[in-house]
C-alpha atoms as a PDB file:
ATOM      1  CA  MET A   1      -0.180   0.030  -0.028  1.00  0.00           C
ATOM      2  CA  LEU A   2       1.177   3.556  -0.698  1.00  0.00           C
ATOM      3  CA  THR A   3       2.242   5.022   2.109  1.00  0.00           C
ATOM      4  CA  THR A   4       0.055   8.135   1.021  1.00  0.00           C
ATOM      5  CA  GLU A   5      -2.946   5.712   1.278  1.00  0.00           C
ATOM      6  CA  SER A   6      -2.426   3.915   4.578  1.00  0.00           C
ATOM      7  CA  SER A   7      -4.420   4.550   7.658  1.00  0.00           C
ATOM      8  CA  SER A   8      -4.325   7.414  10.054  1.00  0.00           C
ATOM      9  CA  TYR A   9      -2.375   6.628  13.178  1.00  0.00           C
ATOM     10  CA  TYR A  10      -5.380   8.055  14.962  1.00  0.00           C
ATOM     11  CA  GLU A  11      -8.839   6.653  15.399  1.00  0.00           C
ATOM     12  CA  ALA A  12     -12.114   7.633  16.531  1.00  0.00           C
ATOM     13  CA  LEU A  13     -11.360  11.227  14.868  1.00  0.00           C
ATOM     14  CA  ASP A  14     -15.315  11.984  14.870  1.00  0.00           C
ATOM     15  CA  LYS A  15     -15.304  11.838  18.746  1.00  0.00           C
ATOM     16  CA  MET A  16     -12.426  14.192  19.337  1.00  0.00           C
ATOM     17  CA  SER A  17     -12.841  17.605  21.128  1.00  0.00           C
ATOM     18  CA  VAL A  18     -12.188  20.179  18.844  1.00  0.00           C
ATOM     19  CA  THR A  19      -8.973  20.620  21.136  1.00  0.00           C
ATOM     20  CA  ASP A  20      -8.093  17.603  20.348  1.00  0.00           C
ATOM     21  CA  LEU A  21      -8.313  17.647  16.987  1.00  0.00           C
ATOM     22  CA  LEU A  22      -6.474  20.747  16.123  1.00  0.00           C
ATOM     23  CA  THR A  23      -3.664  19.225  18.736  1.00  0.00           C
ATOM     24  CA  ASN A  24      -3.211  16.414  16.670  1.00  0.00           C
ATOM     25  CA  ILE A  25      -3.396  17.755  13.395  1.00  0.00           C
ATOM     26  CA  ASN A  26      -0.450  20.002  14.381  1.00  0.00           C
ATOM     27  CA  ASN A  27       1.383  17.587  16.390  1.00  0.00           C
ATOM     28  CA  GLU A  28       1.094  15.486  12.743  1.00  0.00           C
ATOM     29  CA  ASP A  29       2.519  19.062  10.820  1.00  0.00           C
ATOM     30  CA  LYS A  30       5.247  19.087  12.868  1.00  0.00           C
ATOM     31  CA  THR A  31       6.963  16.266  11.134  1.00  0.00           C
ATOM     32  CA  VAL A  32       6.792  17.809   7.638  1.00  0.00           C
ATOM     33  CA  PRO A  33      10.055  20.202   8.012  1.00  0.00           C
ATOM     34  CA  LEU A  34      11.971  17.042   9.317  1.00  0.00           C
ATOM     35  CA  ALA A  35      10.789  14.792   6.274  1.00  0.00           C
ATOM     36  CA  VAL A  36      11.832  17.770   4.007  1.00  0.00           C
ATOM     37  CA  GLU A  37      15.107  18.141   5.231  1.00  0.00           C
ATOM     38  CA  LYS A  38      15.875  14.195   4.828  1.00  0.00           C
ATOM     39  CA  VAL A  39      15.489  15.090   0.484  1.00  0.00           C
ATOM     40  CA  ILE A  40      17.248  18.659   0.730  1.00  0.00           C
ATOM     41  CA  PRO A  41      20.088  16.689  -1.464  1.00  0.00           C
ATOM     42  CA  GLN A  42      17.582  15.753  -4.005  1.00  0.00           C
ATOM     43  CA  ILE A  43      16.346  18.934  -3.905  1.00  0.00           C
ATOM     44  CA  GLU A  44      19.828  20.454  -4.249  1.00  0.00           C
ATOM     45  CA  ALA A  45      20.203  18.145  -7.181  1.00  0.00           C
ATOM     46  CA  LEU A  46      16.976  19.417  -9.064  1.00  0.00           C
ATOM     47  CA  VAL A  47      17.624  23.085  -8.483  1.00  0.00           C
ATOM     48  CA  ASN A  48      21.179  22.876 -10.107  1.00  0.00           C
ATOM     49  CA  GLN A  49      19.827  21.769 -13.328  1.00  0.00           C
ATOM     50  CA  ILE A  50      17.327  24.385 -13.080  1.00  0.00           C
ATOM     51  CA  VAL A  51      19.231  27.253 -12.681  1.00  0.00           C
ATOM     52  CA  GLU A  52      21.860  26.312 -15.518  1.00  0.00           C
ATOM     53  CA  ARG A  53      19.019  25.616 -17.980  1.00  0.00           C
ATOM     54  CA  MET A  54      17.263  29.250 -16.754  1.00  0.00           C
ATOM     55  CA  LYS A  55      20.405  30.997 -16.954  1.00  0.00           C
ATOM     56  CA  LYS A  56      20.334  30.157 -20.613  1.00  0.00           C
ATOM     57  CA  GLY A  57      16.811  31.686 -21.068  1.00  0.00           C
ATOM     58  CA  GLY A  58      14.859  28.242 -20.057  1.00  0.00           C
ATOM     59  CA  ARG A  59      11.341  28.511 -18.306  1.00  0.00           C
ATOM     60  CA  LEU A  60      10.302  26.344 -15.463  1.00  0.00           C
ATOM     61  CA  PHE A  61       7.083  24.379 -15.923  1.00  0.00           C
ATOM     62  CA  TYR A  62       4.480  22.820 -12.971  1.00  0.00           C
ATOM     63  CA  ILE A  63       2.147  20.175 -14.025  1.00  0.00           C
ATOM     64  CA  GLY A  64      -0.192  18.253 -11.287  1.00  0.00           C
ATOM     65  CA  ALA A  65      -3.843  17.345 -11.124  1.00  0.00           C
ATOM     66  CA  GLY A  66      -5.944  18.447  -7.480  1.00  0.00           C
ATOM     67  CA  THR A  67      -4.378  19.771  -4.893  1.00  0.00           C
ATOM     68  CA  SER A  68      -1.257  19.236  -6.462  1.00  0.00           C
ATOM     69  CA  GLY A  69      -1.841  20.803  -9.371  1.00  0.00           C
ATOM     70  CA  ARG A  70      -3.087  24.030  -7.689  1.00  0.00           C
ATOM     71  CA  LEU A  71       0.094  24.513  -5.607  1.00  0.00           C
ATOM     72  CA  GLY A  72       1.888  24.538  -8.753  1.00  0.00           C
ATOM     73  CA  VAL A  73       0.089  27.126 -10.175  1.00  0.00           C
ATOM     74  CA  VAL A  74       0.515  28.990  -6.694  1.00  0.00           C
ATOM     75  CA  ASP A  75       4.232  28.808  -6.804  1.00  0.00           C
ATOM     76  CA  ALA A  76       4.329  30.067 -10.477  1.00  0.00           C
ATOM     77  CA  SER A  77       2.011  32.623 -10.061  1.00  0.00           C
ATOM     78  CA  GLU A  78       3.809  34.570  -7.530  1.00  0.00           C
ATOM     79  CA  CYS A  79       6.551  34.498  -9.149  1.00  0.00           C
ATOM     80  CA  PRO A  80       6.285  37.523 -11.081  1.00  0.00           C
ATOM     81  CA  PRO A  81       4.969  39.810  -8.210  1.00  0.00           C
ATOM     82  CA  THR A  82       7.405  38.923  -6.166  1.00  0.00           C
ATOM     83  CA  TYR A  83      10.709  38.849  -8.252  1.00  0.00           C
ATOM     84  CA  GLY A  84       9.603  41.050 -10.907  1.00  0.00           C
ATOM     85  CA  VAL A  85      10.038  38.427 -13.953  1.00  0.00           C
ATOM     86  CA  PRO A  86       7.584  37.831 -16.813  1.00  0.00           C
ATOM     87  CA  PHE A  87       4.843  35.262 -16.357  1.00  0.00           C
ATOM     88  CA  GLU A  88       5.784  33.255 -18.967  1.00  0.00           C
ATOM     89  CA  MET A  89       9.152  32.204 -17.136  1.00  0.00           C
ATOM     90  CA  VAL A  90       7.446  30.164 -14.297  1.00  0.00           C
ATOM     91  CA  VAL A  91       4.054  28.518 -15.706  1.00  0.00           C
ATOM     92  CA  GLY A  92       1.891  25.972 -13.364  1.00  0.00           C
ATOM     93  CA  LEU A  93      -0.104  23.799 -15.336  1.00  0.00           C
ATOM     94  CA  ILE A  94      -3.372  21.647 -13.705  1.00  0.00           C
ATOM     95  CA  ALA A  95      -5.020  18.798 -14.922  1.00  0.00           C
ATOM     96  CA  GLY A  96      -8.729  19.970 -16.311  1.00  0.00           C
ATOM     97  CA  GLY A  97      -6.957  23.773 -16.869  1.00  0.00           C
ATOM     98  CA  ASP A  98      -7.994  26.640 -15.186  1.00  0.00           C
ATOM     99  CA  THR A  99     -11.285  25.959 -13.868  1.00  0.00           C
ATOM    100  CA  ALA A 100     -10.044  22.352 -12.211  1.00  0.00           C
ATOM    101  CA  ILE A 101      -8.260  25.298  -9.938  1.00  0.00           C
ATOM    102  CA  ARG A 102     -11.581  26.199  -8.264  1.00  0.00           C
ATOM    103  CA  ARG A 103     -13.533  23.154  -9.075  1.00  0.00           C
ATOM    104  CA  ALA A 104     -12.383  19.688  -9.450  1.00  0.00           C
ATOM    105  CA  VAL A 105     -12.818  18.157 -13.210  1.00  0.00           C
ATOM    106  CA  GLU A 106     -13.762  14.505 -13.516  1.00  0.00           C
ATOM    107  CA  ASN A 107     -11.402  12.302 -14.897  1.00  0.00           C
ATOM    108  CA  ALA A 108      -8.760  14.658 -16.305  1.00  0.00           C
ATOM    109  CA  GLU A 109      -5.899  13.175 -14.212  1.00  0.00           C
ATOM    110  CA  ASP A 110      -6.619  10.149 -15.738  1.00  0.00           C
ATOM    111  CA  ASP A 111      -5.302  10.928 -19.187  1.00  0.00           C
ATOM    112  CA  PRO A 112      -1.648  10.234 -19.625  1.00  0.00           C
ATOM    113  CA  GLN A 113      -1.482  12.143 -23.033  1.00  0.00           C
ATOM    114  CA  GLN A 114      -2.931  15.532 -21.773  1.00  0.00           C
ATOM    115  CA  ALA A 115      -0.107  17.328 -20.011  1.00  0.00           C
ATOM    116  CA  TRP A 116       2.167  16.831 -23.268  1.00  0.00           C
ATOM    117  CA  ILE A 117      -0.906  18.154 -25.080  1.00  0.00           C
ATOM    118  CA  ASP A 118      -1.159  21.008 -22.652  1.00  0.00           C
ATOM    119  CA  LEU A 119       2.873  21.580 -22.632  1.00  0.00           C
ATOM    120  CA  GLN A 120       2.613  22.075 -26.720  1.00  0.00           C
ATOM    121  CA  ASP A 121       0.938  25.587 -26.187  1.00  0.00           C
ATOM    122  CA  TYR A 122       4.198  27.037 -24.730  1.00  0.00           C
ATOM    123  CA  ASN A 123       6.896  25.217 -26.869  1.00  0.00           C
ATOM    124  CA  ILE A 124       8.493  23.820 -23.944  1.00  0.00           C
ATOM    125  CA  ASN A 125      11.797  22.706 -25.108  1.00  0.00           C
ATOM    126  CA  GLU A 126      15.181  21.464 -24.028  1.00  0.00           C
ATOM    127  CA  LEU A 127      16.383  24.770 -22.745  1.00  0.00           C
ATOM    128  CA  ASP A 128      13.034  24.608 -20.069  1.00  0.00           C
ATOM    129  CA  SER A 129      12.677  22.463 -17.182  1.00  0.00           C
ATOM    130  CA  LEU A 130       9.439  20.544 -15.876  1.00  0.00           C
ATOM    131  CA  VAL A 131       8.679  19.540 -12.134  1.00  0.00           C
ATOM    132  CA  GLY A 132       5.824  17.141 -12.060  1.00  0.00           C
ATOM    133  CA  ILE A 133       3.564  17.233  -8.479  1.00  0.00           C
ATOM    134  CA  ALA A 134       1.548  14.238  -7.436  1.00  0.00           C
ATOM    135  CA  ALA A 135       1.202  13.186  -3.749  1.00  0.00           C
ATOM    136  CA  SER A 136       0.364   9.348  -4.892  1.00  0.00           C
ATOM    137  CA  GLY A 137       3.448   9.401  -7.573  1.00  0.00           C
ATOM    138  CA  THR A 138       0.437   7.502  -9.448  1.00  0.00           C
ATOM    139  CA  THR A 139      -1.235  10.260 -11.310  1.00  0.00           C
ATOM    140  CA  PRO A 140      -1.421   9.191 -14.786  1.00  0.00           C
ATOM    141  CA  TYR A 141      -1.515  12.944 -16.490  1.00  0.00           C
ATOM    142  CA  VAL A 142       1.510  13.903 -14.655  1.00  0.00           C
ATOM    143  CA  ILE A 143       3.783  10.705 -15.044  1.00  0.00           C
ATOM    144  CA  GLY A 144       2.812  11.290 -18.950  1.00  0.00           C
ATOM    145  CA  GLY A 145       3.654  14.563 -19.128  1.00  0.00           C
ATOM    146  CA  VAL A 146       7.048  14.069 -17.615  1.00  0.00           C
ATOM    147  CA  ALA A 147       7.947  10.903 -19.661  1.00  0.00           C
ATOM    148  CA  ALA A 148       6.946  12.546 -23.165  1.00  0.00           C
ATOM    149  CA  ALA A 149       9.113  15.198 -21.989  1.00  0.00           C
ATOM    150  CA  ARG A 150      12.008  13.463 -20.572  1.00  0.00           C
ATOM    151  CA  GLN A 151      12.209  11.216 -24.061  1.00  0.00           C
ATOM    152  CA  ARG A 152      12.409  14.444 -25.761  1.00  0.00           C
ATOM    153  CA  GLY A 153      15.778  15.994 -23.902  1.00  0.00           C
ATOM    154  CA  ILE A 154      13.743  17.970 -21.572  1.00  0.00           C
ATOM    155  CA  LEU A 155      14.698  18.207 -17.704  1.00  0.00           C
ATOM    156  CA  THR A 156      12.286  16.383 -15.790  1.00  0.00           C
ATOM    157  CA  GLY A 157      11.962  16.177 -12.140  1.00  0.00           C
ATOM    158  CA  CYS A 158       9.194  15.449  -9.740  1.00  0.00           C
ATOM    159  CA  ILE A 159       7.762  16.248  -6.242  1.00  0.00           C
ATOM    160  CA  SER A 160       6.119  12.980  -4.599  1.00  0.00           C
ATOM    161  CA  CYS A 161       5.523  11.728  -1.425  1.00  0.00           C
ATOM    162  CA  ASN A 162       5.924   7.964  -1.853  1.00  0.00           C
ATOM    163  CA  GLN A 163       9.137   6.340  -2.109  1.00  0.00           C
ATOM    164  CA  ASN A 164       9.909   4.560  -5.001  1.00  0.00           C
ATOM    165  CA  SER A 165       6.879   5.921  -7.220  1.00  0.00           C
ATOM    166  CA  PRO A 166       5.639   5.356 -10.835  1.00  0.00           C
ATOM    167  CA  LEU A 167       6.905   9.693 -11.036  1.00  0.00           C
ATOM    168  CA  GLY A 168       9.933   9.218  -9.444  1.00  0.00           C
ATOM    169  CA  SER A 169      11.065   6.479 -12.270  1.00  0.00           C
ATOM    170  CA  ALA A 170       9.886   8.323 -14.238  1.00  0.00           C
ATOM    171  CA  VAL A 171      11.654  11.406 -14.035  1.00  0.00           C
ATOM    172  CA  ALA A 172      15.589  12.489 -14.041  1.00  0.00           C
ATOM    173  CA  TYR A 173      15.734  14.207 -10.453  1.00  0.00           C
ATOM    174  CA  PRO A 174      13.060  13.112  -8.366  1.00  0.00           C
ATOM    175  CA  VAL A 175      11.931  14.397  -5.159  1.00  0.00           C
ATOM    176  CA  GLU A 176      10.094  11.911  -2.410  1.00  0.00           C
ATOM    177  CA  VAL A 177       9.025  13.398   0.982  1.00  0.00           C
ATOM    178  CA  VAL A 178       7.623  10.525   2.652  1.00  0.00           C
ATOM    179  CA  VAL A 179       5.343  12.475   5.681  1.00  0.00           C
ATOM    180  CA  GLY A 180       3.640   9.338   6.902  1.00  0.00           C
ATOM    181  CA  PRO A 181      -0.081   8.655   7.016  1.00  0.00           C
ATOM    182  CA  GLU A 182      -2.285  11.856   7.071  1.00  0.00           C
ATOM    183  CA  PHE A 183      -3.966  12.479   9.817  1.00  0.00           C
ATOM    184  CA  VAL A 184      -7.330  11.662   7.627  1.00  0.00           C
ATOM    185  CA  THR A 185      -6.769   8.633   5.931  1.00  0.00           C
ATOM    186  CA  GLY A 186      -5.803   9.453   2.363  1.00  0.00           C
ATOM    187  CA  SER A 187      -6.107  13.458   2.749  1.00  0.00           C
ATOM    188  CA  THR A 188      -3.225  14.227   0.503  1.00  0.00           C
ATOM    189  CA  ARG A 189      -3.961  18.004   1.033  1.00  0.00           C
ATOM    190  CA  MET A 190      -2.597  18.093   4.175  1.00  0.00           C
ATOM    191  CA  LYS A 191       0.873  16.738   5.537  1.00  0.00           C
ATOM    192  CA  ALA A 192       1.399  15.963   1.465  1.00  0.00           C
ATOM    193  CA  GLY A 193       0.446  19.223   0.343  1.00  0.00           C
ATOM    194  CA  THR A 194       2.223  20.814   3.220  1.00  0.00           C
ATOM    195  CA  ALA A 195       5.261  19.226   2.209  1.00  0.00           C
ATOM    196  CA  GLN A 196       4.684  19.997  -1.199  1.00  0.00           C
ATOM    197  CA  LYS A 197       4.625  23.717  -0.911  1.00  0.00           C
ATOM    198  CA  LEU A 198       7.645  23.835   1.130  1.00  0.00           C
ATOM    199  CA  VAL A 199       9.550  22.313  -1.522  1.00  0.00           C
ATOM    200  CA  LEU A 200       8.063  24.524  -3.771  1.00  0.00           C
ATOM    201  CA  ASN A 201       8.975  27.867  -2.016  1.00  0.00           C
ATOM    202  CA  MET A 202      12.322  25.478  -1.533  1.00  0.00           C
ATOM    203  CA  ILE A 203      13.211  25.531  -5.795  1.00  0.00           C
ATOM    204  CA  SER A 204      11.236  28.584  -6.668  1.00  0.00           C
ATOM    205  CA  THR A 205      13.359  30.943  -4.015  1.00  0.00           C
ATOM    206  CA  THR A 206      16.350  29.083  -4.668  1.00  0.00           C
ATOM    207  CA  VAL A 207      16.471  29.202  -8.439  1.00  0.00           C
ATOM    208  CA  MET A 208      15.480  32.967  -7.981  1.00  0.00           C
ATOM    209  CA  VAL A 209      18.200  34.162  -5.814  1.00  0.00           C
ATOM    210  CA  GLN A 210      20.304  32.391  -7.855  1.00  0.00           C
ATOM    211  CA  LEU A 211      18.735  34.244 -11.020  1.00  0.00           C
ATOM    212  CA  GLY A 212      19.888  37.423  -9.176  1.00  0.00           C
ATOM    213  CA  ARG A 213      16.380  38.013  -8.503  1.00  0.00           C
ATOM    214  CA  VAL A 214      17.346  39.197  -4.667  1.00  0.00           C
ATOM    215  CA  LYS A 215      20.037  41.721  -3.485  1.00  0.00           C
ATOM    216  CA  GLY A 216      21.036  40.806   0.413  1.00  0.00           C
ATOM    217  CA  ASN A 217      17.740  39.781   1.549  1.00  0.00           C
ATOM    218  CA  LYS A 218      15.413  42.078  -0.229  1.00  0.00           C
ATOM    219  CA  MET A 219      12.806  41.717  -3.321  1.00  0.00           C
ATOM    220  CA  VAL A 220      14.854  44.231  -5.074  1.00  0.00           C
ATOM    221  CA  ASP A 221      12.620  43.689  -8.250  1.00  0.00           C
ATOM    222  CA  MET A 222       9.063  42.973  -6.648  1.00  0.00           C
ATOM    223  CA  GLN A 223       5.721  44.639  -7.917  1.00  0.00           C
ATOM    224  CA  MET A 224       4.891  47.434  -6.497  1.00  0.00           C
ATOM    225  CA  SER A 225       1.174  46.733  -7.050  1.00  0.00           C
ATOM    226  CA  ASN A 226      -0.058  48.295  -3.599  1.00  0.00           C
ATOM    227  CA  HIS A 227       0.325  50.393  -0.883  1.00  0.00           C
ATOM    228  CA  LYS A 228       1.528  48.147   1.177  1.00  0.00           C
ATOM    229  CA  LEU A 229       4.372  46.850  -1.253  1.00  0.00           C
ATOM    230  CA  VAL A 230       5.086  50.797  -2.281  1.00  0.00           C
ATOM    231  CA  ASN A 231       5.884  51.271   1.372  1.00  0.00           C
ATOM    232  CA  ARG A 232       8.128  48.375   1.769  1.00  0.00           C
ATOM    233  CA  ALA A 233      10.268  49.328  -1.689  1.00  0.00           C
ATOM    234  CA  ILE A 234      10.666  53.523   0.031  1.00  0.00           C
ATOM    235  CA  GLU A 235      12.139  51.675   3.519  1.00  0.00           C
ATOM    236  CA  MET A 236      14.308  49.261   0.966  1.00  0.00           C
ATOM    237  CA  VAL A 237      15.380  51.863  -0.659  1.00  0.00           C
ATOM    238  CA  ILE A 238      16.417  54.119   2.184  1.00  0.00           C
ATOM    239  CA  ASP A 239      18.160  51.068   3.763  1.00  0.00           C
ATOM    240  CA  GLU A 240      20.328  50.636   1.018  1.00  0.00           C
ATOM    241  CA  THR A 241      20.685  54.761   0.297  1.00  0.00           C
ATOM    242  CA  GLY A 242      19.931  56.770   3.080  1.00  0.00           C
ATOM    243  CA  VAL A 243      18.242  58.774   1.205  1.00  0.00           C
ATOM    244  CA  THR A 244      15.157  60.705   2.539  1.00  0.00           C
ATOM    245  CA  PRO A 245      11.072  59.069   2.438  1.00  0.00           C
ATOM    246  CA  GLN A 246      10.118  62.002  -0.296  1.00  0.00           C
ATOM    247  CA  HIS A 247      13.539  61.287  -2.567  1.00  0.00           C
ATOM    248  CA  ALA A 248      12.933  57.444  -1.998  1.00  0.00           C
ATOM    249  CA  GLN A 249       9.377  57.986  -3.616  1.00  0.00           C
ATOM    250  CA  GLN A 250      10.753  60.141  -6.195  1.00  0.00           C
ATOM    251  CA  LEU A 251      13.177  57.617  -6.979  1.00  0.00           C
ATOM    252  CA  LEU A 252      10.710  54.756  -7.335  1.00  0.00           C
ATOM    253  CA  ASP A 253       8.187  56.798  -9.108  1.00  0.00           C
ATOM    254  CA  GLN A 254      11.081  57.922 -11.877  1.00  0.00           C
ATOM    255  CA  TYR A 255      12.906  54.274 -12.176  1.00  0.00           C
ATOM    256  CA  GLY A 256      10.009  51.803 -11.001  1.00  0.00           C
ATOM    257  CA  SER A 257      12.013  49.246  -9.364  1.00  0.00           C
ATOM    258  CA  VAL A 258      13.780  48.962  -6.453  1.00  0.00           C
ATOM    259  CA  ARG A 259      16.439  47.688  -7.694  1.00  0.00           C
ATOM    260  CA  LEU A 260      17.123  50.612 -10.469  1.00  0.00           C
ATOM    261  CA  ALA A 261      15.952  53.214  -7.691  1.00  0.00           C
ATOM    262  CA  VAL A 262      18.923  51.825  -5.670  1.00  0.00           C
ATOM    263  CA  GLU A 263      21.221  52.114  -8.776  1.00  0.00           C
ATOM    264  CA  HIS A 264      20.424  55.894  -9.773  1.00  0.00           C
ATOM    265  CA  ALA A 265      20.082  57.060  -5.926  1.00  0.00           C
ATOM    266  CA  GLN A 266      23.386  58.920  -6.213  1.00  0.00           C
ATOM    267  CA  ASP A 267      22.827  60.512 -10.153  1.00  0.00           C
END
């Protein structure tokens, strides 16, 4: 039996108090970062390959179904506002299309051909990297997509939560985070989903740092799309240059980014 489908360590959840439910869920969640820690070498190997290709102009693609697909879409969609990269630089695809982000599309994950068809809309090529996300490591949509990509010389990796899964075998750089049975048996949106989110954070953040999208510890290329982010940008310019808040605002208005504002502060 797949670890992700194994029976919960906890019995009679429906008889537990709210306090016990929350405490026990939290206790299980505490184990997830430790499981991720064990596979840092796997994540490092994948990230190094992704960075090498993206420095040459390649893109990063995620494919998944259900919760896994949604997590990939979220990570991809957050890269442009956070790091100022083009929207097509990191792309998340979910089985069933964008409709499936909000509402499950019946049988969408069971078609092993569809992911490669979906990827064709983006003219994926050998400079690009493809990461398949599936908690079980058995999702046909994901396995079919990475298998087709690997056959064509595209870098492939995965994030799954079972060891020696079919998905892990289908890619060149597997990341398999075994978090154990879920609190609610088989509910992989819980610990497995948390593990996938953590690994996605690690991958995209490390890639963006390696690509020069962070200066010191600051998001110098972030999009200033609301008042909070504008104020954050002003403080970043002040910290880096020592100019007044008014001058920092003027620089940001003129140059449109923290990076350029800092570079031109002494002009």
